[in-house]
Amino acid sequence: MGKILGYDNDSLKMPNKIIEMGLLPETSFRILYQAPFSGPMYVEFGEEKSRIALREEEGDFIIVEELN
């Protein structure tokens, strides 16, 4: 489990789809599955339990806090 704190967008290259998908600050999430060989991770987030796949390159822009 984790919580999104913000974004690392210093290079201004963060894909807009991260925000458009609803991955906003203060959103709680959990990783359901990490595909092998640096494949996408499948994430469930929000009260609606939305599920998406994020590539590693997209996930690198998101600053998270680990929750136990």
N, C-alpha and C. Protein backbone atom coordinates (compact mmCIF):
# COMPACT_ATOMS: atom_id res chain seq x y z
N MET A 1 0.85 -1.18 0.00
CA MET A 1 0.00 0.00 0.00
C MET A 1 0.88 1.23 0.00
N GLY A 2 0.36 2.26 -0.62
CA GLY A 2 1.09 3.50 -0.66
C GLY A 2 0.15 4.67 -0.88
N LYS A 3 0.72 5.87 -0.81
CA LYS A 3 -0.03 7.09 -1.05
C LYS A 3 0.80 7.99 -1.95
N ILE A 4 0.16 8.59 -2.92
CA ILE A 4 0.85 9.51 -3.84
C ILE A 4 1.05 10.84 -3.12
N LEU A 5 2.30 11.30 -3.07
CA LEU A 5 2.62 12.58 -2.45
C LEU A 5 2.69 13.71 -3.46
N GLY A 6 3.13 13.40 -4.67
CA GLY A 6 3.28 14.43 -5.69
C GLY A 6 3.99 13.84 -6.89
N TYR A 7 4.63 14.72 -7.66
CA TYR A 7 5.27 14.30 -8.90
C TYR A 7 6.67 14.89 -9.01
N ASP A 8 7.55 14.16 -9.66
CA ASP A 8 8.88 14.64 -9.99
C ASP A 8 8.85 15.06 -11.45
N ASN A 9 8.54 16.31 -11.68
CA ASN A 9 8.37 16.80 -13.05
C ASN A 9 9.33 17.95 -13.35
N ASP A 10 10.51 17.89 -12.77
CA ASP A 10 11.49 18.96 -12.98
C ASP A 10 11.87 19.10 -14.45
N SER A 11 11.89 17.99 -15.18
CA SER A 11 12.26 18.04 -16.60
C SER A 11 11.07 18.34 -17.50
N LEU A 12 9.88 18.50 -16.91
CA LEU A 12 8.64 18.80 -17.64
C LEU A 12 8.33 17.77 -18.72
N LYS A 13 8.64 16.51 -18.43
CA LYS A 13 8.39 15.44 -19.39
C LYS A 13 7.38 14.42 -18.87
N MET A 14 6.71 14.73 -17.76
CA MET A 14 5.74 13.80 -17.20
C MET A 14 4.55 13.68 -18.14
N PRO A 15 4.14 12.46 -18.45
CA PRO A 15 2.97 12.28 -19.32
C PRO A 15 1.70 12.82 -18.65
N ASN A 16 0.90 13.55 -19.40
CA ASN A 16 -0.36 14.09 -18.88
C ASN A 16 -1.30 12.99 -18.43
N LYS A 17 -1.16 11.81 -19.01
CA LYS A 17 -2.10 10.74 -18.70
C LYS A 17 -2.04 10.30 -17.25
N ILE A 18 -0.94 10.56 -16.55
CA ILE A 18 -0.85 10.21 -15.14
C ILE A 18 -1.93 10.94 -14.35
N ILE A 19 -2.07 12.23 -14.58
CA ILE A 19 -3.10 13.02 -13.91
C ILE A 19 -4.48 12.70 -14.48
N GLU A 20 -4.58 12.55 -15.79
CA GLU A 20 -5.86 12.27 -16.42
C GLU A 20 -6.46 10.95 -15.95
N MET A 21 -5.63 9.99 -15.57
CA MET A 21 -6.11 8.70 -15.08
C MET A 21 -6.60 8.78 -13.63
N GLY A 22 -6.32 9.88 -12.96
CA GLY A 22 -6.78 10.05 -11.58
C GLY A 22 -5.72 9.78 -10.54
N LEU A 23 -4.48 9.66 -10.93
CA LEU A 23 -3.39 9.44 -9.97
C LEU A 23 -2.96 10.78 -9.39
N LEU A 24 -3.77 11.29 -8.48
CA LEU A 24 -3.59 12.61 -7.91
C LEU A 24 -2.95 12.52 -6.53
N PRO A 25 -2.31 13.61 -6.07
CA PRO A 25 -1.74 13.61 -4.71
C PRO A 25 -2.80 13.24 -3.67
N GLU A 26 -2.36 12.53 -2.65
CA GLU A 26 -3.18 12.03 -1.55
C GLU A 26 -4.01 10.80 -1.91
N THR A 27 -3.85 10.27 -3.13
CA THR A 27 -4.57 9.06 -3.54
C THR A 27 -3.84 7.84 -3.00
N SER A 28 -4.58 6.94 -2.37
CA SER A 28 -4.01 5.68 -1.88
C SER A 28 -4.06 4.65 -3.02
N PHE A 29 -3.08 3.75 -3.01
CA PHE A 29 -3.01 2.75 -4.07
C PHE A 29 -2.35 1.49 -3.53
N ARG A 30 -2.47 0.42 -4.31
CA ARG A 30 -1.69 -0.79 -4.03
C ARG A 30 -1.31 -1.42 -5.36
N ILE A 31 -0.12 -2.01 -5.38
CA ILE A 31 0.36 -2.69 -6.58
C ILE A 31 -0.16 -4.11 -6.54
N LEU A 32 -0.92 -4.49 -7.56
CA LEU A 32 -1.50 -5.82 -7.63
C LEU A 32 -0.52 -6.83 -8.22
N TYR A 33 0.26 -6.37 -9.22
CA TYR A 33 1.15 -7.29 -9.93
C TYR A 33 2.22 -6.50 -10.65
N GLN A 34 3.43 -6.99 -10.62
CA GLN A 34 4.54 -6.42 -11.38
C GLN A 34 4.94 -7.43 -12.44
N ALA A 35 4.77 -7.08 -13.70
CA ALA A 35 5.13 -7.99 -14.78
C ALA A 35 6.65 -8.18 -14.81
N PRO A 36 7.12 -9.34 -15.23
CA PRO A 36 8.56 -9.59 -15.27
C PRO A 36 9.26 -8.78 -16.36
N PHE A 37 10.59 -8.74 -16.28
CA PHE A 37 11.44 -8.08 -17.27
C PHE A 37 11.10 -6.61 -17.44
N SER A 38 10.94 -5.90 -16.32
CA SER A 38 10.63 -4.46 -16.32
C SER A 38 9.33 -4.15 -17.05
N GLY A 39 8.41 -5.09 -17.02
CA GLY A 39 7.10 -4.87 -17.63
C GLY A 39 6.26 -3.95 -16.76
N PRO A 40 5.04 -3.67 -17.18
CA PRO A 40 4.19 -2.74 -16.42
C PRO A 40 3.78 -3.30 -15.06
N MET A 41 3.44 -2.38 -14.17
CA MET A 41 2.87 -2.79 -12.89
C MET A 41 1.39 -2.47 -12.93
N TYR A 42 0.60 -3.35 -12.36
CA TYR A 42 -0.84 -3.19 -12.33
C TYR A 42 -1.22 -2.64 -10.96
N VAL A 43 -1.89 -1.48 -10.97
CA VAL A 43 -2.15 -0.71 -9.77
C VAL A 43 -3.65 -0.54 -9.56
N GLU A 44 -4.08 -0.67 -8.31
CA GLU A 44 -5.47 -0.40 -7.93
C GLU A 44 -5.44 0.84 -7.04
N PHE A 45 -6.33 1.81 -7.31
CA PHE A 45 -6.28 3.06 -6.54
C PHE A 45 -7.66 3.68 -6.39
N GLY A 46 -7.74 4.58 -5.41
CA GLY A 46 -8.95 5.35 -5.19
C GLY A 46 -10.06 4.57 -4.53
N GLU A 47 -11.10 5.29 -4.14
CA GLU A 47 -12.26 4.68 -3.49
C GLU A 47 -13.02 3.76 -4.44
N GLU A 48 -12.95 4.06 -5.74
CA GLU A 48 -13.65 3.24 -6.73
C GLU A 48 -12.90 1.97 -7.09
N LYS A 49 -11.68 1.84 -6.56
CA LYS A 49 -10.83 0.69 -6.85
C LYS A 49 -10.54 0.57 -8.35
N SER A 50 -10.24 1.70 -8.97
CA SER A 50 -9.86 1.71 -10.39
C SER A 50 -8.56 0.94 -10.57
N ARG A 51 -8.41 0.31 -11.71
CA ARG A 51 -7.18 -0.46 -12.00
C ARG A 51 -6.59 0.01 -13.32
N ILE A 52 -5.26 0.18 -13.30
CA ILE A 52 -4.54 0.58 -14.51
C ILE A 52 -3.20 -0.13 -14.56
N ALA A 53 -2.58 -0.09 -15.72
CA ALA A 53 -1.21 -0.58 -15.90
C ALA A 53 -0.32 0.64 -16.13
N LEU A 54 0.77 0.70 -15.41
CA LEU A 54 1.74 1.79 -15.54
C LEU A 54 3.09 1.23 -15.96
N ARG A 55 3.67 1.83 -16.97
CA ARG A 55 5.04 1.47 -17.33
C ARG A 55 6.00 2.06 -16.31
N GLU A 56 7.15 1.45 -16.19
CA GLU A 56 8.16 1.92 -15.23
C GLU A 56 8.51 3.39 -15.49
N GLU A 57 8.60 3.77 -16.77
CA GLU A 57 8.96 5.15 -17.12
C GLU A 57 7.90 6.13 -16.60
N GLU A 58 6.64 5.72 -16.57
CA GLU A 58 5.57 6.59 -16.05
C GLU A 58 5.60 6.62 -14.53
N GLY A 59 5.79 5.47 -13.93
CA GLY A 59 5.82 5.38 -12.47
C GLY A 59 6.98 6.16 -11.85
N ASP A 60 8.06 6.33 -12.59
CA ASP A 60 9.21 7.07 -12.07
C ASP A 60 8.90 8.53 -11.78
N PHE A 61 7.84 9.08 -12.36
CA PHE A 61 7.46 10.48 -12.12
C PHE A 61 6.66 10.66 -10.84
N ILE A 62 6.16 9.58 -10.26
CA ILE A 62 5.26 9.66 -9.11
C ILE A 62 6.05 9.48 -7.82
N ILE A 63 5.90 10.42 -6.90
CA ILE A 63 6.53 10.36 -5.59
C ILE A 63 5.53 9.74 -4.63
N VAL A 64 5.93 8.66 -3.97
CA VAL A 64 5.00 7.93 -3.11
C VAL A 64 5.53 7.79 -1.69
N GLU A 65 4.60 7.54 -0.78
CA GLU A 65 4.92 7.20 0.61
C GLU A 65 4.39 5.80 0.83
N GLU A 66 5.23 4.92 1.37
CA GLU A 66 4.81 3.56 1.64
C GLU A 66 3.96 3.55 2.91
N LEU A 67 2.82 2.87 2.82
CA LEU A 67 1.93 2.71 3.97
C LEU A 67 1.89 1.23 4.34
N ASN A 68 1.86 0.95 5.61
CA ASN A 68 1.78 -0.45 6.06
C ASN A 68 0.40 -0.81 6.52
